[in-house]
Amino acid sequence: MAYTMALLFGQGEEKSLVDMIGKYFVGRQERSFVRRGSVESCEDISPHPNMDAGVEQEKLLQQDVTRHIERCLTEAKASVLHCQALLLPRQMTARVGRDVLSAATDEPCGLRGASIRVYVETKDGVKSLGNIRPDPDVTSTFELSLVLKADQAHGWPPLKNIFDGNKVMKLRPEYKLVKRKLYSSASPVIHQFN
């Protein structure tokens, strides 16, 4: 017993199944091209729009963390560090923000899942300056301890009479990041930066 294509569609049409399927998919492709634009305008569309958005979001997170670190240092200047001026190496907070963001890349929530503790190591010991949570709505999955180092020299020799050692604190360009996963038994990882 042989069946023909006409019997499949029931009305004696002479079209083949292949032609019907071809028209269906060609019609759908044409409609999708109309929605996306022509071939000439494809160059304007980024091949990975989510990738561009991710890079922009990372830049914003880095800037936000940098501002939080600067605010933390400013607030701790009089209360914790007991100084009137805090001198930082050029672009240090931006560098620290970039390194903090880099330390968060392999985490499930990225920087949003971080709890960042800021410390300064002085001749009197390590002093806590504050805690930063980039996204308070996300449960922290890891902790980063940023340990900045105070310059142990008491001012600059030629300007020693102008600046009192208690009024001005200078931070060294060296610092370390200690990364500890909160829900893991893995030991902390220490990164030294110069």
N, C-alpha and C. Protein backbone atom coordinates (compact mmCIF):
# COMPACT_ATOMS: atom_id res chain seq x y z
N MET A 1 0.84 -1.15 0.00
CA MET A 1 0.00 0.00 0.00
C MET A 1 0.89 1.23 0.00
N ALA A 2 0.71 2.12 -0.90
CA ALA A 2 1.52 3.31 -1.04
C ALA A 2 0.68 4.53 -0.76
N TYR A 3 1.26 5.43 -0.01
CA TYR A 3 0.58 6.70 0.30
C TYR A 3 1.28 7.81 -0.46
N THR A 4 0.51 8.75 -0.87
CA THR A 4 1.08 9.91 -1.54
C THR A 4 0.98 11.10 -0.61
N MET A 5 1.66 12.15 -0.94
CA MET A 5 1.64 13.35 -0.13
C MET A 5 0.26 13.99 -0.12
N ALA A 6 -0.47 13.84 -1.18
CA ALA A 6 -1.80 14.42 -1.26
C ALA A 6 -2.71 13.81 -0.21
N LEU A 7 -2.58 12.53 0.07
CA LEU A 7 -3.42 11.88 1.07
C LEU A 7 -3.08 12.35 2.49
N LEU A 8 -1.85 12.72 2.72
CA LEU A 8 -1.47 13.20 4.05
C LEU A 8 -2.19 14.49 4.41
N PHE A 9 -2.37 15.38 3.45
CA PHE A 9 -3.00 16.65 3.74
C PHE A 9 -4.51 16.62 3.50
N GLY A 10 -5.01 15.61 2.91
CA GLY A 10 -6.43 15.35 2.84
C GLY A 10 -7.21 16.10 1.79
N GLN A 11 -6.68 17.02 1.05
CA GLN A 11 -7.48 17.74 0.09
C GLN A 11 -6.93 17.61 -1.32
N GLY A 12 -6.15 16.62 -1.56
CA GLY A 12 -5.67 16.35 -2.90
C GLY A 12 -4.67 17.36 -3.40
N GLU A 13 -4.04 18.10 -2.51
CA GLU A 13 -3.06 19.09 -2.93
C GLU A 13 -1.84 18.37 -3.47
N GLU A 14 -1.19 18.96 -4.43
CA GLU A 14 -0.05 18.35 -5.07
C GLU A 14 1.29 18.85 -4.49
N LYS A 15 1.25 19.63 -3.41
CA LYS A 15 2.48 20.16 -2.83
C LYS A 15 3.19 19.06 -2.04
N SER A 16 4.47 19.10 -2.07
CA SER A 16 5.21 18.11 -1.31
C SER A 16 5.42 18.62 0.12
N LEU A 17 5.67 17.71 1.00
CA LEU A 17 5.90 18.04 2.41
C LEU A 17 7.16 18.91 2.56
N VAL A 18 8.16 18.63 1.76
CA VAL A 18 9.39 19.40 1.82
C VAL A 18 9.14 20.86 1.47
N ASP A 19 8.30 21.11 0.42
CA ASP A 19 7.99 22.48 0.04
C ASP A 19 7.24 23.21 1.16
N MET A 20 6.33 22.50 1.82
CA MET A 20 5.55 23.11 2.91
C MET A 20 6.47 23.48 4.09
N ILE A 21 7.33 22.55 4.45
CA ILE A 21 8.24 22.82 5.57
C ILE A 21 9.19 23.95 5.19
N GLY A 22 9.69 23.94 3.98
CA GLY A 22 10.60 24.99 3.53
C GLY A 22 9.95 26.36 3.59
N LYS A 23 8.70 26.48 3.15
CA LYS A 23 8.00 27.77 3.21
C LYS A 23 7.78 28.19 4.66
N TYR A 24 7.48 27.22 5.52
CA TYR A 24 7.25 27.56 6.92
C TYR A 24 8.50 28.16 7.55
N PHE A 25 9.67 27.49 7.34
CA PHE A 25 10.90 27.99 7.96
C PHE A 25 11.40 29.26 7.28
N VAL A 26 11.26 29.37 5.97
CA VAL A 26 11.69 30.57 5.28
C VAL A 26 10.85 31.75 5.74
N GLY A 27 9.57 31.55 5.88
CA GLY A 27 8.69 32.62 6.37
C GLY A 27 9.07 33.05 7.76
N ARG A 28 9.41 32.13 8.62
CA ARG A 28 9.81 32.47 10.00
C ARG A 28 11.15 33.20 10.01
N GLN A 29 12.09 32.76 9.13
CA GLN A 29 13.39 33.43 9.09
C GLN A 29 13.23 34.86 8.60
N GLU A 30 12.39 35.07 7.59
CA GLU A 30 12.19 36.42 7.08
C GLU A 30 11.61 37.32 8.16
N ARG A 31 10.64 36.79 8.92
CA ARG A 31 10.06 37.60 9.98
C ARG A 31 11.10 37.94 11.05
N SER A 32 11.98 36.98 11.39
CA SER A 32 12.98 37.26 12.42
C SER A 32 14.03 38.26 11.91
N PHE A 33 14.35 38.22 10.60
CA PHE A 33 15.29 39.19 10.07
C PHE A 33 14.69 40.59 10.08
N VAL A 34 13.39 40.68 9.82
CA VAL A 34 12.74 41.98 9.82
C VAL A 34 12.82 42.58 11.23
N ARG A 35 12.64 41.76 12.24
CA ARG A 35 12.70 42.26 13.61
C ARG A 35 14.11 42.68 14.00
N ARG A 36 15.13 41.98 13.54
CA ARG A 36 16.50 42.27 13.95
C ARG A 36 17.17 43.33 13.09
N GLY A 37 16.67 43.55 11.91
CA GLY A 37 17.30 44.51 11.03
C GLY A 37 17.94 43.82 9.85
N SER A 38 18.42 44.60 8.93
CA SER A 38 19.01 44.04 7.73
C SER A 38 20.43 43.60 8.00
N VAL A 39 21.01 42.93 6.99
CA VAL A 39 22.37 42.44 7.11
C VAL A 39 23.33 43.60 7.27
N GLU A 40 23.07 44.71 6.58
CA GLU A 40 23.96 45.87 6.66
C GLU A 40 24.00 46.44 8.08
N SER A 41 22.88 46.37 8.80
CA SER A 41 22.84 46.95 10.14
C SER A 41 23.33 45.99 11.22
N CYS A 42 23.70 44.78 10.82
CA CYS A 42 24.20 43.82 11.80
C CYS A 42 25.50 44.28 12.43
N GLU A 43 26.30 45.07 11.69
CA GLU A 43 27.57 45.52 12.23
C GLU A 43 27.37 46.45 13.43
N ASP A 44 26.25 47.15 13.49
CA ASP A 44 25.99 48.06 14.60
C ASP A 44 25.65 47.31 15.88
N ILE A 45 25.13 46.10 15.73
CA ILE A 45 24.71 45.32 16.88
C ILE A 45 25.91 44.55 17.40
N SER A 46 26.17 44.65 18.70
CA SER A 46 27.29 43.93 19.30
C SER A 46 27.02 42.43 19.27
N PRO A 47 28.00 41.60 18.93
CA PRO A 47 27.76 40.16 18.90
C PRO A 47 27.49 39.60 20.30
N HIS A 48 27.95 40.26 21.34
CA HIS A 48 27.73 39.81 22.71
C HIS A 48 27.23 40.99 23.55
N PRO A 49 25.94 41.36 23.42
CA PRO A 49 25.47 42.53 24.15
C PRO A 49 25.57 42.34 25.66
N ASN A 50 25.42 41.14 26.16
CA ASN A 50 25.53 40.91 27.60
C ASN A 50 26.96 41.09 28.07
N MET A 51 27.94 40.82 27.18
CA MET A 51 29.34 40.98 27.55
C MET A 51 29.66 42.46 27.76
N ASP A 52 29.16 43.33 26.87
CA ASP A 52 29.39 44.76 27.02
C ASP A 52 28.73 45.28 28.30
N ALA A 53 27.54 44.80 28.59
CA ALA A 53 26.85 45.21 29.81
C ALA A 53 27.60 44.71 31.04
N GLY A 54 28.18 43.52 30.97
CA GLY A 54 28.95 42.98 32.08
C GLY A 54 30.20 43.80 32.36
N VAL A 55 30.88 44.24 31.29
CA VAL A 55 32.08 45.06 31.46
C VAL A 55 31.71 46.40 32.09
N GLU A 56 30.63 47.00 31.63
CA GLU A 56 30.18 48.27 32.20
C GLU A 56 29.79 48.09 33.66
N GLN A 57 29.11 46.99 33.98
CA GLN A 57 28.71 46.74 35.36
C GLN A 57 29.93 46.55 36.26
N GLU A 58 30.96 45.85 35.75
CA GLU A 58 32.19 45.67 36.52
C GLU A 58 32.88 47.00 36.78
N LYS A 59 32.90 47.89 35.78
CA LYS A 59 33.51 49.21 35.96
C LYS A 59 32.76 49.99 37.03
N LEU A 60 31.44 49.92 36.99
CA LEU A 60 30.64 50.63 37.99
C LEU A 60 30.87 50.05 39.38
N LEU A 61 30.96 48.72 39.48
CA LEU A 61 31.24 48.09 40.78
C LEU A 61 32.61 48.50 41.30
N GLN A 62 33.61 48.54 40.42
CA GLN A 62 34.95 48.94 40.82
C GLN A 62 34.94 50.38 41.32
N GLN A 63 34.26 51.27 40.62
CA GLN A 63 34.17 52.66 41.06
C GLN A 63 33.44 52.77 42.39
N ASP A 64 32.40 51.98 42.56
CA ASP A 64 31.64 52.00 43.80
C ASP A 64 32.49 51.51 44.97
N VAL A 65 33.23 50.42 44.78
CA VAL A 65 34.11 49.91 45.83
C VAL A 65 35.20 50.93 46.15
N THR A 66 35.74 51.57 45.14
CA THR A 66 36.77 52.59 45.35
C THR A 66 36.22 53.74 46.19
N ARG A 67 35.01 54.18 45.89
CA ARG A 67 34.38 55.25 46.68
C ARG A 67 34.15 54.81 48.13
N HIS A 68 33.71 53.55 48.31
CA HIS A 68 33.49 53.04 49.66
C HIS A 68 34.80 52.98 50.46
N ILE A 69 35.87 52.57 49.82
CA ILE A 69 37.18 52.51 50.50
C ILE A 69 37.62 53.92 50.89
N GLU A 70 37.46 54.87 49.96
CA GLU A 70 37.83 56.25 50.25
C GLU A 70 37.00 56.81 51.40
N ARG A 71 35.70 56.52 51.40
CA ARG A 71 34.82 56.99 52.48
C ARG A 71 35.23 56.36 53.81
N CYS A 72 35.56 55.08 53.78
CA CYS A 72 36.00 54.37 54.98
C CYS A 72 37.27 55.01 55.55
N LEU A 73 38.22 55.34 54.69
CA LEU A 73 39.46 55.98 55.13
C LEU A 73 39.19 57.38 55.67
N THR A 74 38.32 58.11 55.02
CA THR A 74 37.99 59.47 55.46
C THR A 74 37.34 59.47 56.83
N GLU A 75 36.38 58.56 57.03
CA GLU A 75 35.68 58.49 58.31
C GLU A 75 36.60 58.03 59.44
N ALA A 76 37.55 57.15 59.15
CA ALA A 76 38.44 56.61 60.18
C ALA A 76 39.60 57.54 60.50
N LYS A 77 39.80 58.55 59.67
CA LYS A 77 40.95 59.44 59.85
C LYS A 77 40.97 60.05 61.27
N ALA A 78 39.90 60.64 61.70
CA ALA A 78 39.89 61.29 63.02
C ALA A 78 39.52 60.31 64.13
N SER A 79 38.61 59.37 63.85
CA SER A 79 38.11 58.51 64.92
C SER A 79 39.04 57.36 65.28
N VAL A 80 39.57 56.67 64.31
CA VAL A 80 40.38 55.47 64.57
C VAL A 80 41.87 55.76 64.45
N LEU A 81 42.26 56.49 63.42
CA LEU A 81 43.67 56.73 63.16
C LEU A 81 44.22 57.94 63.92
N HIS A 82 43.34 58.80 64.42
CA HIS A 82 43.70 59.98 65.21
C HIS A 82 44.71 60.85 64.49
N CYS A 83 44.39 61.19 63.25
CA CYS A 83 45.26 62.08 62.50
C CYS A 83 44.39 63.10 61.77
N GLN A 84 44.99 64.20 61.38
CA GLN A 84 44.26 65.24 60.66
C GLN A 84 44.34 65.05 59.15
N ALA A 85 45.42 64.47 58.69
CA ALA A 85 45.60 64.25 57.25
C ALA A 85 46.09 62.82 57.02
N LEU A 86 45.54 62.22 55.99
CA LEU A 86 45.93 60.87 55.60
C LEU A 86 46.43 60.95 54.16
N LEU A 87 47.69 60.66 53.97
CA LEU A 87 48.31 60.75 52.64
C LEU A 87 48.39 59.37 52.01
N LEU A 88 47.90 59.29 50.77
CA LEU A 88 47.90 58.02 50.02
C LEU A 88 48.77 58.15 48.78
N PRO A 89 49.40 57.06 48.36
CA PRO A 89 50.09 57.09 47.06
C PRO A 89 49.08 57.35 45.94
N ARG A 90 49.57 57.94 44.87
CA ARG A 90 48.72 58.29 43.74
C ARG A 90 48.03 57.06 43.17
N GLN A 91 46.74 57.16 42.93
CA GLN A 91 45.90 56.12 42.32
C GLN A 91 45.83 54.84 43.15
N MET A 92 46.13 54.91 44.42
CA MET A 92 46.14 53.70 45.24
C MET A 92 44.74 53.11 45.39
N THR A 93 43.74 53.94 45.67
CA THR A 93 42.40 53.39 45.87
C THR A 93 41.84 52.79 44.59
N ALA A 94 42.16 53.36 43.44
CA ALA A 94 41.71 52.77 42.17
C ALA A 94 42.38 51.42 41.95
N ARG A 95 43.66 51.33 42.28
CA ARG A 95 44.39 50.06 42.15
C ARG A 95 43.83 49.00 43.09
N VAL A 96 43.53 49.41 44.33
CA VAL A 96 42.95 48.49 45.30
C VAL A 96 41.57 48.02 44.81
N GLY A 97 40.76 48.94 44.29
CA GLY A 97 39.45 48.57 43.76
C GLY A 97 39.55 47.56 42.64
N ARG A 98 40.52 47.74 41.75
CA ARG A 98 40.73 46.81 40.64
C ARG A 98 41.16 45.43 41.16
N ASP A 99 42.03 45.41 42.19
CA ASP A 99 42.49 44.14 42.74
C ASP A 99 41.38 43.43 43.52
N VAL A 100 40.53 44.20 44.19
CA VAL A 100 39.38 43.62 44.89
C VAL A 100 38.43 42.99 43.88
N LEU A 101 38.17 43.70 42.79
CA LEU A 101 37.30 43.17 41.74
C LEU A 101 37.90 41.91 41.12
N SER A 102 39.21 41.89 40.93
CA SER A 102 39.87 40.72 40.37
C SER A 102 39.78 39.52 41.31
N ALA A 103 39.86 39.77 42.62
CA ALA A 103 39.76 38.68 43.59
C ALA A 103 38.35 38.09 43.64
N ALA A 104 37.38 38.83 43.17
CA ALA A 104 35.98 38.38 43.23
C ALA A 104 35.52 37.70 41.95
N THR A 105 36.35 37.61 40.93
CA THR A 105 35.89 37.09 39.64
C THR A 105 35.48 35.63 39.67
N ASP A 106 36.11 34.81 40.49
CA ASP A 106 35.77 33.39 40.50
C ASP A 106 34.71 33.03 41.54
N GLU A 107 34.07 34.02 42.12
CA GLU A 107 33.03 33.78 43.11
C GLU A 107 31.66 33.68 42.44
N PRO A 108 30.73 32.91 43.03
CA PRO A 108 29.41 32.72 42.40
C PRO A 108 28.64 34.02 42.18
N CYS A 109 28.67 34.94 43.12
CA CYS A 109 27.95 36.21 42.98
C CYS A 109 28.89 37.35 42.63
N GLY A 110 30.15 37.05 42.39
CA GLY A 110 31.11 38.09 42.07
C GLY A 110 31.31 39.02 43.25
N LEU A 111 31.54 40.28 42.96
CA LEU A 111 31.78 41.27 43.99
C LEU A 111 30.55 41.51 44.86
N ARG A 112 29.38 41.24 44.31
CA ARG A 112 28.15 41.45 45.09
C ARG A 112 28.08 40.55 46.31
N GLY A 113 28.78 39.41 46.29
CA GLY A 113 28.77 38.49 47.41
C GLY A 113 29.94 38.68 48.37
N ALA A 114 30.57 39.85 48.32
CA ALA A 114 31.74 40.09 49.15
C ALA A 114 31.39 40.83 50.43
N SER A 115 32.19 40.57 51.42
CA SER A 115 32.21 41.38 52.64
C SER A 115 33.66 41.83 52.77
N ILE A 116 33.88 43.13 52.67
CA ILE A 116 35.24 43.67 52.63
C ILE A 116 35.53 44.38 53.95
N ARG A 117 36.56 43.94 54.62
CA ARG A 117 36.99 44.58 55.88
C ARG A 117 38.28 45.34 55.60
N VAL A 118 38.33 46.58 56.07
CA VAL A 118 39.48 47.44 55.80
C VAL A 118 40.26 47.65 57.10
N TYR A 119 41.57 47.41 57.03
CA TYR A 119 42.46 47.56 58.18
C TYR A 119 43.66 48.41 57.80
N VAL A 120 44.27 49.03 58.81
CA VAL A 120 45.54 49.71 58.62
C VAL A 120 46.50 49.16 59.65
N GLU A 121 47.66 48.73 59.17
CA GLU A 121 48.70 48.22 60.05
C GLU A 121 49.62 49.38 60.42
N THR A 122 49.65 49.73 61.71
CA THR A 122 50.48 50.82 62.20
C THR A 122 51.53 50.27 63.15
N LYS A 123 52.35 51.16 63.70
CA LYS A 123 53.35 50.72 64.67
C LYS A 123 52.70 50.25 65.97
N ASP A 124 51.45 50.68 66.21
CA ASP A 124 50.71 50.26 67.41
C ASP A 124 49.91 48.98 67.20
N GLY A 125 49.92 48.43 66.02
CA GLY A 125 49.16 47.22 65.72
C GLY A 125 48.21 47.44 64.55
N VAL A 126 47.32 46.46 64.33
CA VAL A 126 46.37 46.53 63.23
C VAL A 126 45.07 47.15 63.74
N LYS A 127 44.60 48.18 63.02
CA LYS A 127 43.38 48.88 63.42
C LYS A 127 42.31 48.66 62.36
N SER A 128 41.10 48.33 62.82
CA SER A 128 39.98 48.12 61.91
C SER A 128 39.36 49.47 61.56
N LEU A 129 39.20 49.71 60.26
CA LEU A 129 38.63 50.98 59.80
C LEU A 129 37.16 50.87 59.41
N GLY A 130 36.69 49.68 59.11
CA GLY A 130 35.29 49.53 58.73
C GLY A 130 35.05 48.31 57.88
N ASN A 131 33.78 48.13 57.52
CA ASN A 131 33.33 46.99 56.74
C ASN A 131 32.52 47.52 55.55
N ILE A 132 32.75 46.94 54.38
CA ILE A 132 32.06 47.36 53.16
C ILE A 132 31.30 46.16 52.61
N ARG A 133 30.02 46.37 52.31
CA ARG A 133 29.20 45.35 51.64
C ARG A 133 28.73 45.95 50.32
N PRO A 134 29.31 45.55 49.17
CA PRO A 134 28.91 46.12 47.88
C PRO A 134 27.42 45.98 47.59
N ASP A 135 26.81 44.86 47.96
CA ASP A 135 25.37 44.67 47.77
C ASP A 135 24.80 44.05 49.04
N PRO A 136 24.19 44.86 49.90
CA PRO A 136 23.68 44.34 51.17
C PRO A 136 22.54 43.33 51.00
N ASP A 137 21.92 43.28 49.82
CA ASP A 137 20.81 42.35 49.59
C ASP A 137 21.28 40.93 49.27
N VAL A 138 22.58 40.76 48.99
CA VAL A 138 23.13 39.45 48.65
C VAL A 138 23.88 38.90 49.86
N THR A 139 23.63 37.63 50.16
CA THR A 139 24.34 36.98 51.26
C THR A 139 25.81 36.84 50.90
N SER A 140 26.67 37.25 51.81
CA SER A 140 28.12 37.19 51.55
C SER A 140 28.57 35.75 51.44
N THR A 141 29.36 35.47 50.40
CA THR A 141 29.91 34.14 50.21
C THR A 141 31.41 34.10 50.50
N PHE A 142 32.04 35.28 50.54
CA PHE A 142 33.46 35.33 50.85
C PHE A 142 33.79 36.66 51.53
N GLU A 143 34.92 36.65 52.22
CA GLU A 143 35.36 37.84 52.93
C GLU A 143 36.72 38.24 52.43
N LEU A 144 36.89 39.51 52.15
CA LEU A 144 38.18 40.07 51.76
C LEU A 144 38.64 41.01 52.86
N SER A 145 39.83 40.78 53.36
CA SER A 145 40.42 41.70 54.33
C SER A 145 41.50 42.49 53.61
N LEU A 146 41.30 43.79 53.54
CA LEU A 146 42.26 44.70 52.92
C LEU A 146 43.12 45.28 54.04
N VAL A 147 44.40 44.98 54.01
CA VAL A 147 45.32 45.47 55.05
C VAL A 147 46.27 46.47 54.41
N LEU A 148 46.04 47.75 54.71
CA LEU A 148 46.91 48.82 54.26
C LEU A 148 48.01 49.01 55.27
N LYS A 149 49.15 49.53 54.86
CA LYS A 149 50.29 49.67 55.76
C LYS A 149 50.66 51.14 55.92
N ALA A 150 50.75 51.57 57.17
CA ALA A 150 51.17 52.94 57.45
C ALA A 150 52.69 53.03 57.32
N ASP A 151 53.15 54.17 56.84
CA ASP A 151 54.59 54.39 56.74
C ASP A 151 55.13 54.58 58.14
N GLN A 152 56.10 53.77 58.54
CA GLN A 152 56.62 53.80 59.90
C GLN A 152 57.56 54.97 60.15
N ALA A 153 58.04 55.59 59.09
CA ALA A 153 58.90 56.76 59.27
C ALA A 153 58.03 57.91 59.79
N HIS A 154 58.56 58.71 60.64
CA HIS A 154 57.79 59.80 61.25
C HIS A 154 57.94 61.07 60.43
N GLY A 155 57.33 61.12 59.28
CA GLY A 155 57.37 62.32 58.46
C GLY A 155 58.64 62.38 57.63
N TRP A 156 58.75 63.45 56.89
CA TRP A 156 59.91 63.66 56.05
C TRP A 156 60.92 64.50 56.83
N PRO A 157 62.19 64.11 56.87
CA PRO A 157 63.18 64.85 57.68
C PRO A 157 63.22 66.36 57.42
N PRO A 158 63.21 66.86 56.16
CA PRO A 158 63.28 68.31 55.99
C PRO A 158 62.03 69.04 56.49
N LEU A 159 60.89 68.34 56.51
CA LEU A 159 59.64 68.98 56.90
C LEU A 159 59.16 68.52 58.28
N LYS A 160 60.03 67.95 59.05
CA LYS A 160 59.65 67.38 60.34
C LYS A 160 59.09 68.44 61.29
N ASN A 161 59.61 69.63 61.24
CA ASN A 161 59.14 70.69 62.13
C ASN A 161 57.76 71.20 61.73
N ILE A 162 57.42 71.12 60.45
CA ILE A 162 56.11 71.60 60.00
C ILE A 162 55.04 70.59 60.32
N PHE A 163 55.30 69.31 60.02
CA PHE A 163 54.30 68.27 60.23
C PHE A 163 54.59 67.53 61.53
N ASP A 164 53.60 67.48 62.38
CA ASP A 164 53.72 66.69 63.60
C ASP A 164 53.36 65.25 63.23
N GLY A 165 54.09 64.27 63.74
CA GLY A 165 53.86 62.86 63.44
C GLY A 165 52.46 62.38 63.78
N ASN A 166 51.81 62.99 64.77
CA ASN A 166 50.46 62.57 65.16
C ASN A 166 49.39 63.18 64.28
N LYS A 167 49.72 64.22 63.55
CA LYS A 167 48.71 64.90 62.76
C LYS A 167 48.64 64.38 61.32
N VAL A 168 49.71 63.82 60.83
CA VAL A 168 49.77 63.33 59.45
C VAL A 168 50.15 61.86 59.45
N MET A 169 49.37 61.06 58.69
CA MET A 169 49.72 59.64 58.52
C MET A 169 49.85 59.39 57.03
N LYS A 170 50.91 58.72 56.67
CA LYS A 170 51.18 58.40 55.27
C LYS A 170 51.06 56.90 55.10
N LEU A 171 50.33 56.46 54.06
CA LEU A 171 50.20 55.04 53.77
C LEU A 171 51.22 54.64 52.71
N ARG A 172 51.74 53.45 52.87
CA ARG A 172 52.70 52.90 51.91
C ARG A 172 51.94 52.33 50.70
N PRO A 173 52.60 52.19 49.57
CA PRO A 173 51.94 51.61 48.40
C PRO A 173 51.70 50.11 48.53
N GLU A 174 52.38 49.45 49.48
CA GLU A 174 52.19 48.01 49.66
C GLU A 174 50.92 47.76 50.47
N TYR A 175 50.22 46.72 50.10
CA TYR A 175 49.05 46.28 50.85
C TYR A 175 48.82 44.81 50.56
N LYS A 176 47.94 44.21 51.35
CA LYS A 176 47.63 42.80 51.08
C LYS A 176 46.12 42.59 51.17
N LEU A 177 45.68 41.61 50.40
CA LEU A 177 44.29 41.16 50.42
C LEU A 177 44.28 39.73 50.91
N VAL A 178 43.47 39.48 51.93
CA VAL A 178 43.32 38.13 52.46
C VAL A 178 41.91 37.69 52.10
N LYS A 179 41.80 36.64 51.31
CA LYS A 179 40.50 36.15 50.85
C LYS A 179 40.16 34.86 51.59
N ARG A 180 38.97 34.88 52.19
CA ARG A 180 38.51 33.70 52.93
C ARG A 180 37.09 33.39 52.48
N LYS A 181 36.87 32.16 52.02
CA LYS A 181 35.53 31.72 51.63
C LYS A 181 34.74 31.39 52.89
N LEU A 182 33.54 31.92 53.00
CA LEU A 182 32.78 31.80 54.23
C LEU A 182 32.14 30.43 54.41
N TYR A 183 31.76 29.77 53.34
CA TYR A 183 31.07 28.49 53.45
C TYR A 183 31.93 27.35 52.92
N SER A 184 33.21 27.42 53.22
CA SER A 184 34.15 26.43 52.75
C SER A 184 35.22 26.21 53.82
N SER A 185 35.80 25.04 53.80
CA SER A 185 36.87 24.75 54.75
C SER A 185 38.25 25.09 54.17
N ALA A 186 38.26 25.69 52.99
CA ALA A 186 39.53 26.06 52.36
C ALA A 186 40.24 27.12 53.19
N SER A 187 41.54 27.04 53.21
CA SER A 187 42.31 28.02 53.99
C SER A 187 42.35 29.36 53.25
N PRO A 188 42.50 30.46 53.98
CA PRO A 188 42.53 31.78 53.34
C PRO A 188 43.70 31.92 52.37
N VAL A 189 43.50 32.74 51.36
CA VAL A 189 44.52 33.02 50.36
C VAL A 189 44.98 34.46 50.56
N ILE A 190 46.29 34.64 50.66
CA ILE A 190 46.87 35.97 50.90
C ILE A 190 47.57 36.45 49.62
N HIS A 191 47.18 37.64 49.16
CA HIS A 191 47.80 38.26 48.00
C HIS A 191 48.54 39.51 48.45
N GLN A 192 49.82 39.60 48.16
CA GLN A 192 50.64 40.77 48.49
C GLN A 192 50.76 41.64 47.25
N PHE A 193 50.56 42.95 47.40
CA PHE A 193 50.66 43.88 46.29
C PHE A 193 51.67 44.97 46.64
N ASN A 194 52.47 45.36 45.66
CA ASN A 194 53.47 46.42 45.86
C ASN A 194 53.11 47.66 45.09
